[in-house]
Amino acid sequence: VQLVESGGGLVQSGGSLRLSCAASGTLFSINGMGWERQAPGKQRELVARISGGGMTNYADSVKGRFTISRDNTKSTVYLQMNSLKPEDTAVYYCNAGGYSGGFYYAVAWGEGTQVTVSS
């Protein structure tokens, strides 16, 4: 599975960005996709995830501001980010995987896309 992210960039506080992640390759085992982020000096953290059935979960810090969605016909997941804050500045990584016993496991990662929010 290969993942290619796009859509990062520089935006002012309060602005919006839309990230995209296109998956290719052997996808039959992929049931979930999601986004994580890593800010300088911090651990990577979950941002949002969506299952094949459309169930979503979000980090508390982005609830109400970010929306994850997917287009199964294009094997693409999106992250719409509104009301961005400087603390959202990070490298955003797309991942794809499956579920086992109710737990998500990632099997593929993108290279990351930089999101910078200026104050």
N, C-alpha and C. Protein backbone atom coordinates (compact mmCIF):
# COMPACT_ATOMS: atom_id res chain seq x y z
N VAL A 1 0.85 -1.18 0.00
CA VAL A 1 0.00 0.00 0.00
C VAL A 1 0.89 1.24 0.00
N GLN A 2 0.58 2.15 -0.90
CA GLN A 2 1.32 3.41 -0.95
C GLN A 2 0.35 4.55 -0.67
N LEU A 3 0.82 5.51 0.11
CA LEU A 3 -0.01 6.65 0.47
C LEU A 3 0.71 7.93 0.07
N VAL A 4 -0.02 8.83 -0.57
CA VAL A 4 0.55 10.11 -0.99
C VAL A 4 -0.33 11.23 -0.46
N GLU A 5 0.26 12.07 0.39
CA GLU A 5 -0.47 13.19 0.98
C GLU A 5 -0.27 14.46 0.15
N SER A 6 -1.23 15.35 0.25
CA SER A 6 -1.11 16.66 -0.37
C SER A 6 -2.00 17.64 0.38
N GLY A 7 -1.75 18.93 0.17
CA GLY A 7 -2.63 19.94 0.73
C GLY A 7 -2.07 20.73 1.89
N GLY A 8 -0.89 20.38 2.37
CA GLY A 8 -0.32 21.15 3.46
C GLY A 8 0.14 22.53 3.00
N GLY A 9 0.54 23.34 3.96
CA GLY A 9 1.00 24.67 3.61
C GLY A 9 1.01 25.60 4.79
N LEU A 10 1.13 26.88 4.48
CA LEU A 10 1.16 27.94 5.50
C LEU A 10 -0.18 28.68 5.48
N VAL A 11 -0.76 28.86 6.64
CA VAL A 11 -2.05 29.55 6.75
C VAL A 11 -2.05 30.38 8.02
N GLN A 12 -2.81 31.45 8.00
CA GLN A 12 -2.93 32.28 9.20
C GLN A 12 -3.89 31.64 10.20
N SER A 13 -3.71 32.01 11.45
CA SER A 13 -4.61 31.53 12.50
C SER A 13 -6.06 31.87 12.14
N GLY A 14 -6.93 30.88 12.32
CA GLY A 14 -8.33 31.05 11.94
C GLY A 14 -8.65 30.59 10.54
N GLY A 15 -7.63 30.29 9.77
CA GLY A 15 -7.82 29.87 8.39
C GLY A 15 -8.13 28.39 8.27
N SER A 16 -8.20 27.94 7.02
CA SER A 16 -8.56 26.55 6.73
C SER A 16 -7.59 25.93 5.74
N LEU A 17 -7.45 24.64 5.84
CA LEU A 17 -6.70 23.83 4.88
C LEU A 17 -7.41 22.51 4.71
N ARG A 18 -7.22 21.88 3.55
CA ARG A 18 -7.77 20.56 3.31
C ARG A 18 -6.65 19.63 2.87
N LEU A 19 -6.41 18.61 3.66
CA LEU A 19 -5.41 17.61 3.33
C LEU A 19 -6.06 16.44 2.59
N SER A 20 -5.32 15.87 1.66
CA SER A 20 -5.78 14.68 0.94
C SER A 20 -4.74 13.59 1.04
N CYS A 21 -5.20 12.35 1.01
CA CYS A 21 -4.29 11.21 1.05
C CYS A 21 -4.84 10.14 0.12
N ALA A 22 -4.10 9.88 -0.94
CA ALA A 22 -4.53 8.89 -1.93
C ALA A 22 -3.79 7.58 -1.72
N ALA A 23 -4.54 6.49 -1.64
CA ALA A 23 -3.96 5.17 -1.44
C ALA A 23 -3.93 4.41 -2.76
N SER A 24 -2.88 3.63 -2.95
CA SER A 24 -2.78 2.79 -4.13
C SER A 24 -2.10 1.48 -3.74
N GLY A 25 -2.18 0.52 -4.66
CA GLY A 25 -1.57 -0.77 -4.37
C GLY A 25 -2.61 -1.80 -3.95
N THR A 26 -2.20 -2.74 -3.12
CA THR A 26 -3.08 -3.81 -2.66
C THR A 26 -3.92 -3.32 -1.50
N LEU A 27 -5.19 -3.03 -1.77
CA LEU A 27 -6.02 -2.35 -0.79
C LEU A 27 -7.08 -3.23 -0.16
N PHE A 28 -7.14 -4.51 -0.52
CA PHE A 28 -8.26 -5.33 -0.05
C PHE A 28 -8.28 -5.47 1.47
N SER A 29 -7.11 -5.34 2.10
CA SER A 29 -7.06 -5.50 3.55
C SER A 29 -7.25 -4.19 4.30
N ILE A 30 -7.38 -3.09 3.56
CA ILE A 30 -7.48 -1.79 4.19
C ILE A 30 -8.93 -1.49 4.54
N ASN A 31 -9.19 -1.25 5.81
CA ASN A 31 -10.54 -0.93 6.25
C ASN A 31 -10.62 0.44 6.90
N GLY A 32 -9.51 0.93 7.40
CA GLY A 32 -9.53 2.23 8.04
C GLY A 32 -8.41 3.11 7.52
N MET A 33 -8.63 4.40 7.61
CA MET A 33 -7.60 5.37 7.26
C MET A 33 -7.66 6.51 8.26
N GLY A 34 -6.53 7.18 8.41
CA GLY A 34 -6.54 8.24 9.40
C GLY A 34 -5.37 9.19 9.25
N TRP A 35 -5.35 10.16 10.14
CA TRP A 35 -4.30 11.17 10.18
C TRP A 35 -3.71 11.25 11.58
N GLU A 36 -2.41 11.37 11.62
CA GLU A 36 -1.71 11.67 12.85
C GLU A 36 -0.83 12.89 12.57
N ARG A 37 -0.33 13.49 13.64
CA ARG A 37 0.56 14.64 13.46
C ARG A 37 1.66 14.62 14.49
N GLN A 38 2.74 15.27 14.14
CA GLN A 38 3.88 15.37 15.05
C GLN A 38 4.45 16.77 14.97
N ALA A 39 4.40 17.45 16.10
CA ALA A 39 4.97 18.78 16.21
C ALA A 39 6.41 18.65 16.69
N PRO A 40 7.25 19.65 16.43
CA PRO A 40 8.65 19.59 16.87
C PRO A 40 8.76 19.35 18.37
N GLY A 41 9.55 18.37 18.74
CA GLY A 41 9.77 18.09 20.14
C GLY A 41 8.65 17.36 20.84
N LYS A 42 7.63 16.95 20.09
CA LYS A 42 6.49 16.28 20.69
C LYS A 42 6.30 14.90 20.06
N GLN A 43 5.55 14.06 20.76
CA GLN A 43 5.25 12.74 20.23
C GLN A 43 4.16 12.83 19.17
N ARG A 44 4.18 11.84 18.28
CA ARG A 44 3.13 11.77 17.28
C ARG A 44 1.81 11.46 17.97
N GLU A 45 0.75 12.12 17.50
CA GLU A 45 -0.55 11.92 18.12
C GLU A 45 -1.64 11.74 17.07
N LEU A 46 -2.68 11.02 17.48
CA LEU A 46 -3.83 10.83 16.60
C LEU A 46 -4.54 12.16 16.38
N VAL A 47 -4.94 12.41 15.16
CA VAL A 47 -5.77 13.56 14.84
C VAL A 47 -7.20 13.09 14.57
N ALA A 48 -7.34 12.18 13.63
CA ALA A 48 -8.67 11.68 13.27
C ALA A 48 -8.52 10.36 12.53
N ARG A 49 -9.59 9.56 12.59
CA ARG A 49 -9.58 8.26 11.93
C ARG A 49 -10.98 7.97 11.42
N ILE A 50 -11.06 7.21 10.33
CA ILE A 50 -12.36 6.84 9.78
C ILE A 50 -12.32 5.40 9.33
N SER A 51 -13.36 4.64 9.68
CA SER A 51 -13.41 3.24 9.29
C SER A 51 -14.04 3.11 7.91
N GLY A 52 -13.99 1.90 7.37
CA GLY A 52 -14.61 1.67 6.08
C GLY A 52 -16.11 1.92 6.10
N GLY A 53 -16.71 1.73 7.26
CA GLY A 53 -18.14 1.98 7.40
C GLY A 53 -18.49 3.42 7.69
N GLY A 54 -17.46 4.25 7.81
CA GLY A 54 -17.71 5.68 8.01
C GLY A 54 -17.69 6.14 9.45
N MET A 55 -17.38 5.23 10.39
CA MET A 55 -17.29 5.66 11.78
C MET A 55 -16.02 6.48 11.97
N THR A 56 -16.15 7.57 12.72
CA THR A 56 -15.02 8.48 12.89
C THR A 56 -14.69 8.66 14.37
N ASN A 57 -13.45 8.99 14.63
CA ASN A 57 -13.06 9.46 15.96
C ASN A 57 -12.00 10.52 15.81
N TYR A 58 -12.00 11.44 16.75
CA TYR A 58 -11.14 12.62 16.69
C TYR A 58 -10.43 12.83 18.03
N ALA A 59 -9.29 13.47 17.93
CA ALA A 59 -8.64 13.95 19.14
C ALA A 59 -9.49 15.08 19.72
N ASP A 60 -9.52 15.17 21.04
CA ASP A 60 -10.33 16.21 21.67
C ASP A 60 -9.92 17.60 21.20
N SER A 61 -8.64 17.78 20.92
CA SER A 61 -8.12 19.10 20.55
C SER A 61 -8.63 19.58 19.19
N VAL A 62 -9.17 18.68 18.37
CA VAL A 62 -9.61 19.09 17.03
C VAL A 62 -11.11 18.91 16.82
N LYS A 63 -11.80 18.35 17.79
CA LYS A 63 -13.24 18.14 17.66
C LYS A 63 -13.95 19.46 17.40
N GLY A 64 -14.85 19.44 16.43
CA GLY A 64 -15.59 20.64 16.09
C GLY A 64 -14.88 21.54 15.11
N ARG A 65 -13.60 21.27 14.85
CA ARG A 65 -12.84 22.09 13.90
C ARG A 65 -12.39 21.29 12.68
N PHE A 66 -12.07 20.03 12.89
CA PHE A 66 -11.58 19.17 11.81
C PHE A 66 -12.63 18.15 11.44
N THR A 67 -12.68 17.80 10.17
CA THR A 67 -13.59 16.76 9.69
C THR A 67 -12.85 15.81 8.78
N ILE A 68 -12.92 14.53 9.10
CA ILE A 68 -12.31 13.51 8.25
C ILE A 68 -13.39 12.87 7.39
N SER A 69 -13.06 12.59 6.15
CA SER A 69 -14.00 11.94 5.25
C SER A 69 -13.21 11.08 4.28
N ARG A 70 -13.92 10.20 3.58
CA ARG A 70 -13.23 9.35 2.62
C ARG A 70 -14.09 9.13 1.39
N ASP A 71 -13.42 8.97 0.27
CA ASP A 71 -14.08 8.63 -0.99
C ASP A 71 -13.56 7.26 -1.38
N ASN A 72 -14.36 6.23 -1.13
CA ASN A 72 -13.91 4.87 -1.39
C ASN A 72 -13.69 4.60 -2.87
N THR A 73 -14.39 5.33 -3.72
CA THR A 73 -14.22 5.13 -5.16
C THR A 73 -12.85 5.61 -5.62
N LYS A 74 -12.27 6.54 -4.86
CA LYS A 74 -10.96 7.07 -5.21
C LYS A 74 -9.88 6.61 -4.24
N SER A 75 -10.26 5.78 -3.24
CA SER A 75 -9.31 5.33 -2.22
C SER A 75 -8.58 6.51 -1.61
N THR A 76 -9.33 7.53 -1.29
CA THR A 76 -8.74 8.77 -0.79
C THR A 76 -9.43 9.19 0.50
N VAL A 77 -8.64 9.67 1.44
CA VAL A 77 -9.17 10.22 2.67
C VAL A 77 -8.81 11.70 2.74
N TYR A 78 -9.71 12.48 3.30
CA TYR A 78 -9.53 13.92 3.39
C TYR A 78 -9.57 14.36 4.85
N LEU A 79 -8.91 15.46 5.13
CA LEU A 79 -8.99 16.10 6.43
C LEU A 79 -9.23 17.58 6.21
N GLN A 80 -10.46 18.00 6.46
CA GLN A 80 -10.80 19.42 6.38
C GLN A 80 -10.50 20.05 7.72
N MET A 81 -9.64 21.04 7.72
CA MET A 81 -9.20 21.69 8.95
C MET A 81 -9.65 23.14 8.92
N ASN A 82 -10.53 23.49 9.83
CA ASN A 82 -11.03 24.85 9.95
C ASN A 82 -10.60 25.46 11.28
N SER A 83 -10.71 26.76 11.36
CA SER A 83 -10.36 27.48 12.60
C SER A 83 -9.00 27.04 13.12
N LEU A 84 -8.04 27.02 12.24
CA LEU A 84 -6.71 26.54 12.61
C LEU A 84 -6.04 27.44 13.63
N LYS A 85 -5.26 26.82 14.49
CA LYS A 85 -4.56 27.51 15.56
C LYS A 85 -3.06 27.27 15.40
N PRO A 86 -2.25 28.15 15.95
CA PRO A 86 -0.80 27.92 15.88
C PRO A 86 -0.39 26.56 16.45
N GLU A 87 -1.10 26.08 17.45
CA GLU A 87 -0.75 24.79 18.03
C GLU A 87 -1.10 23.60 17.13
N ASP A 88 -1.75 23.85 16.01
CA ASP A 88 -1.99 22.80 15.02
C ASP A 88 -0.78 22.61 14.10
N THR A 89 0.20 23.49 14.23
CA THR A 89 1.40 23.37 13.41
C THR A 89 2.11 22.05 13.67
N ALA A 90 2.32 21.29 12.61
CA ALA A 90 2.93 19.96 12.74
C ALA A 90 3.10 19.35 11.34
N VAL A 91 3.81 18.25 11.31
CA VAL A 91 3.80 17.41 10.11
C VAL A 91 2.64 16.43 10.26
N TYR A 92 1.80 16.38 9.26
CA TYR A 92 0.62 15.52 9.29
C TYR A 92 0.89 14.29 8.43
N TYR A 93 0.65 13.13 9.04
CA TYR A 93 0.90 11.85 8.38
C TYR A 93 -0.41 11.10 8.16
N CYS A 94 -0.58 10.61 6.97
CA CYS A 94 -1.72 9.75 6.66
C CYS A 94 -1.33 8.31 6.94
N ASN A 95 -2.29 7.51 7.38
CA ASN A 95 -2.03 6.08 7.53
C ASN A 95 -3.24 5.27 7.09
N ALA A 96 -3.00 4.01 6.82
CA ALA A 96 -4.06 3.10 6.39
C ALA A 96 -3.87 1.76 7.09
N GLY A 97 -4.97 1.11 7.45
CA GLY A 97 -4.84 -0.15 8.15
C GLY A 97 -6.16 -0.85 8.31
N GLY A 98 -6.26 -1.66 9.37
CA GLY A 98 -7.47 -2.43 9.61
C GLY A 98 -7.79 -2.45 11.08
N TYR A 99 -8.81 -3.26 11.40
CA TYR A 99 -9.26 -3.38 12.77
C TYR A 99 -9.21 -4.85 13.21
N SER A 100 -8.77 -5.06 14.45
CA SER A 100 -8.74 -6.39 15.03
C SER A 100 -9.19 -6.28 16.48
N GLY A 101 -10.25 -6.97 16.81
CA GLY A 101 -10.75 -6.89 18.17
C GLY A 101 -11.15 -5.48 18.57
N GLY A 102 -11.56 -4.70 17.57
CA GLY A 102 -11.98 -3.34 17.85
C GLY A 102 -10.85 -2.34 17.89
N PHE A 103 -9.64 -2.81 17.75
CA PHE A 103 -8.49 -1.93 17.76
C PHE A 103 -7.93 -1.73 16.36
N TYR A 104 -7.58 -0.50 16.07
CA TYR A 104 -7.05 -0.14 14.76
C TYR A 104 -5.55 -0.39 14.73
N TYR A 105 -5.05 -0.92 13.62
CA TYR A 105 -3.62 -1.06 13.43
C TYR A 105 -3.27 -0.56 12.03
N ALA A 106 -2.23 0.25 11.97
CA ALA A 106 -1.80 0.83 10.69
C ALA A 106 -0.79 -0.09 10.02
N VAL A 107 -0.88 -0.21 8.71
CA VAL A 107 0.05 -1.02 7.95
C VAL A 107 0.83 -0.19 6.93
N ALA A 108 0.43 1.04 6.74
CA ALA A 108 1.12 1.89 5.78
C ALA A 108 1.05 3.34 6.23
N TRP A 109 2.10 4.08 5.90
CA TRP A 109 2.19 5.49 6.30
C TRP A 109 2.63 6.32 5.09
N GLY A 110 2.13 7.53 5.04
CA GLY A 110 2.63 8.48 4.06
C GLY A 110 3.88 9.15 4.57
N GLU A 111 4.47 9.97 3.72
CA GLU A 111 5.72 10.64 4.08
C GLU A 111 5.49 11.90 4.91
N GLY A 112 4.26 12.36 4.95
CA GLY A 112 3.94 13.53 5.76
C GLY A 112 3.85 14.80 4.94
N THR A 113 3.04 15.71 5.42
CA THR A 113 2.90 17.02 4.80
C THR A 113 2.90 18.07 5.90
N GLN A 114 3.64 19.14 5.68
CA GLN A 114 3.81 20.17 6.72
C GLN A 114 2.61 21.11 6.72
N VAL A 115 2.09 21.36 7.91
CA VAL A 115 1.05 22.37 8.12
C VAL A 115 1.62 23.38 9.11
N THR A 116 1.64 24.64 8.70
CA THR A 116 2.15 25.70 9.56
C THR A 116 1.08 26.77 9.70
N VAL A 117 0.73 27.07 10.95
CA VAL A 117 -0.28 28.08 11.23
C VAL A 117 0.39 29.25 11.93
N SER A 118 0.34 30.41 11.31
CA SER A 118 0.97 31.59 11.87
C SER A 118 -0.03 32.36 12.72
N SER A 119 0.48 33.00 13.76
CA SER A 119 -0.40 33.75 14.67
C SER A 119 -0.59 35.17 14.21
